[in-house]
Amino acid sequence: MKHTPDNLAQLQKHKRSNSTVGVALGPEMVAFFKQTVEKRQTKLAKIAEVWGQLVPEMFCDHCSLDSLARGSLTVSVDSAPHLYELRQLLLSGLQEQILLACKSAGLRKIVLRAGMGNS
C-alpha cells in the first residue's frame, strides 16, 4: 500500500489524538492510599513506637514487626533462643502492657514466630 499525503495526514491525526481514555486514576489512588496504606501505617507506627519503648533493646535487634491483621500483630524472631526468651517476657506481663498501650490502634493479640519474615 502506497501512502499518499492524505493517508499520512490521517495517520498522523490518529496518532496524535488528544482524546482521553477512561478517567483519571489520581483521585482513586489517593482514596485507596488513605483507606488502606495510611490508616494501616498510622496504626503500625503507634505499635512500633510502644514496642520500641517497652521491649528491651536486646530483643528489638532480633525481631521484626511483620504485619497487623484483624488486631493480631505478627512478630518474627531470628532465633529459637530469642523467641523463647521473648515469649517468656511477654507472658510475664509485658504483653498486657503492650496491648493496653496499643488498644487505640486495635491491637488485641501478639503472635511470635521463628524466622525474619520476608527480608
Protein backbone atom coordinates (compact mmCIF):
# COMPACT_ATOMS: atom_id res chain seq x y z
CA MET A 1 0.00 0.00 0.00
CA LYS A 2 1.39 3.33 -1.02
CA HIS A 3 0.90 6.17 1.39
CA THR A 4 -0.42 9.38 -0.07
CA PRO A 5 -0.14 12.73 1.68
CA ASP A 6 -3.83 12.45 2.65
CA ASN A 7 -3.28 8.99 4.17
CA LEU A 8 -0.21 10.21 6.04
CA ALA A 9 -2.07 13.22 7.38
CA GLN A 10 -4.92 10.98 8.52
CA LEU A 11 -2.50 8.55 10.20
CA GLN A 12 -0.71 11.44 11.89
CA LYS A 13 -4.05 12.78 13.14
CA HIS A 14 -4.95 9.41 14.73
CA LYS A 15 -1.51 9.05 16.29
CA ARG A 16 -1.77 12.45 17.96
CA SER A 17 -5.31 12.02 19.17
CA ASN A 18 -5.92 14.00 22.34
CA SER A 19 -8.97 12.03 23.34
CA THR A 20 -8.83 10.68 26.89
CA VAL A 21 -9.44 7.04 27.59
CA GLY A 22 -11.27 6.33 30.83
CA VAL A 23 -10.99 8.55 33.88
CA ALA A 24 -8.01 9.84 35.80
CA LEU A 25 -6.64 7.44 38.41
CA GLY A 26 -5.39 10.18 40.72
CA PRO A 27 -8.48 10.54 42.93
CA GLU A 28 -9.00 6.76 43.20
CA MET A 29 -5.33 6.21 44.07
CA VAL A 30 -5.44 8.90 46.77
CA ALA A 31 -8.61 7.39 48.23
CA PHE A 32 -7.10 3.89 48.16
CA PHE A 33 -3.93 5.15 49.85
CA LYS A 34 -5.88 6.94 52.59
CA GLN A 35 -8.15 3.94 53.22
CA THR A 36 -5.55 1.20 53.30
CA VAL A 37 -1.93 2.29 53.44
CA GLU A 38 -2.07 5.48 55.51
CA LYS A 39 -4.54 4.12 58.08
CA ARG A 40 -2.56 0.91 58.47
CA GLN A 41 0.77 2.77 58.62
CA THR A 42 -0.54 5.02 61.39
CA LYS A 43 -1.63 2.03 63.47
CA LEU A 44 1.59 0.10 62.89
CA ALA A 45 3.69 3.20 63.66
CA LYS A 46 1.94 3.59 67.03
CA ILE A 47 2.51 -0.09 67.83
CA ALA A 48 6.15 0.09 66.73
CA GLU A 49 6.71 3.10 68.97
CA VAL A 50 5.24 1.33 72.00
CA TRP A 51 7.16 -1.87 71.13
CA GLY A 52 10.40 0.10 70.98
CA GLN A 53 9.73 1.70 74.37
CA LEU A 54 8.62 -1.40 76.29
CA VAL A 55 10.58 -4.27 74.76
CA PRO A 56 14.25 -4.40 75.83
CA GLU A 57 16.66 -3.32 73.10
CA MET A 58 18.39 -6.70 73.01
CA PHE A 59 15.13 -8.22 71.73
CA CYS A 60 14.35 -5.38 69.32
CA ASP A 61 17.59 -6.16 67.48
CA HIS A 62 16.43 -9.74 66.91
CA CYS A 63 12.80 -9.27 65.90
CA SER A 64 10.71 -7.72 63.17
CA LEU A 65 7.12 -6.44 63.36
CA ASP A 66 5.79 -8.17 60.25
CA SER A 67 2.09 -7.48 59.97
CA LEU A 68 -1.05 -6.29 61.67
CA ALA A 69 -4.23 -8.06 60.61
CA ARG A 70 -7.56 -8.14 62.44
CA GLY A 71 -5.95 -6.93 65.65
CA SER A 72 -3.21 -9.55 65.57
CA LEU A 73 0.41 -8.38 65.40
CA THR A 74 2.79 -10.93 63.89
CA VAL A 75 6.37 -10.63 65.11
CA SER A 76 9.21 -12.66 63.60
CA VAL A 77 12.18 -13.52 65.78
CA ASP A 78 15.52 -14.52 64.25
CA SER A 79 16.47 -17.42 66.52
CA ALA A 80 14.86 -20.04 68.75
CA PRO A 81 16.60 -18.83 71.95
CA HIS A 82 15.45 -15.23 71.39
CA LEU A 83 11.97 -16.47 70.51
CA TYR A 84 11.77 -18.43 73.77
CA GLU A 85 13.08 -15.54 75.88
CA LEU A 86 10.77 -13.00 74.24
CA ARG A 87 7.79 -15.32 74.69
CA GLN A 88 8.62 -15.67 78.39
CA LEU A 89 8.98 -11.90 78.73
CA LEU A 90 5.61 -11.33 77.07
CA LEU A 91 3.96 -13.94 79.31
CA SER A 92 5.42 -12.29 82.42
CA GLY A 93 3.24 -9.22 81.87
CA LEU A 94 4.85 -7.30 79.02
CA GLN A 95 2.18 -8.43 76.57
CA GLU A 96 -0.57 -6.94 78.74
CA GLN A 97 1.29 -3.63 78.90
CA ILE A 98 1.73 -3.53 75.11
CA LEU A 99 -1.90 -4.50 74.43
CA LEU A 100 -3.14 -1.86 76.86
CA ALA A 101 -0.90 0.85 75.38
CA CYS A 102 -1.93 -0.08 71.82
CA LYS A 103 -5.64 -0.60 72.40
CA SER A 104 -6.48 2.53 70.39
CA ALA A 105 -4.56 1.05 67.42
CA GLY A 106 -6.78 -2.04 67.56
CA LEU A 107 -4.11 -4.42 68.87
CA ARG A 108 -5.64 -7.47 70.59
CA LYS A 109 -3.05 -10.21 70.19
CA ILE A 110 0.69 -10.72 69.63
CA VAL A 111 1.83 -13.76 67.67
CA LEU A 112 5.52 -14.70 67.70
CA ARG A 113 7.07 -16.84 65.00
CA ALA A 114 10.54 -18.08 64.15
CA GLY A 115 12.31 -16.52 61.17
CA MET A 116 12.73 -12.96 59.99
CA GLY A 117 9.73 -12.73 57.68
CA ASN A 118 10.17 -11.60 54.08
CA SER A 119 13.57 -9.96 54.45
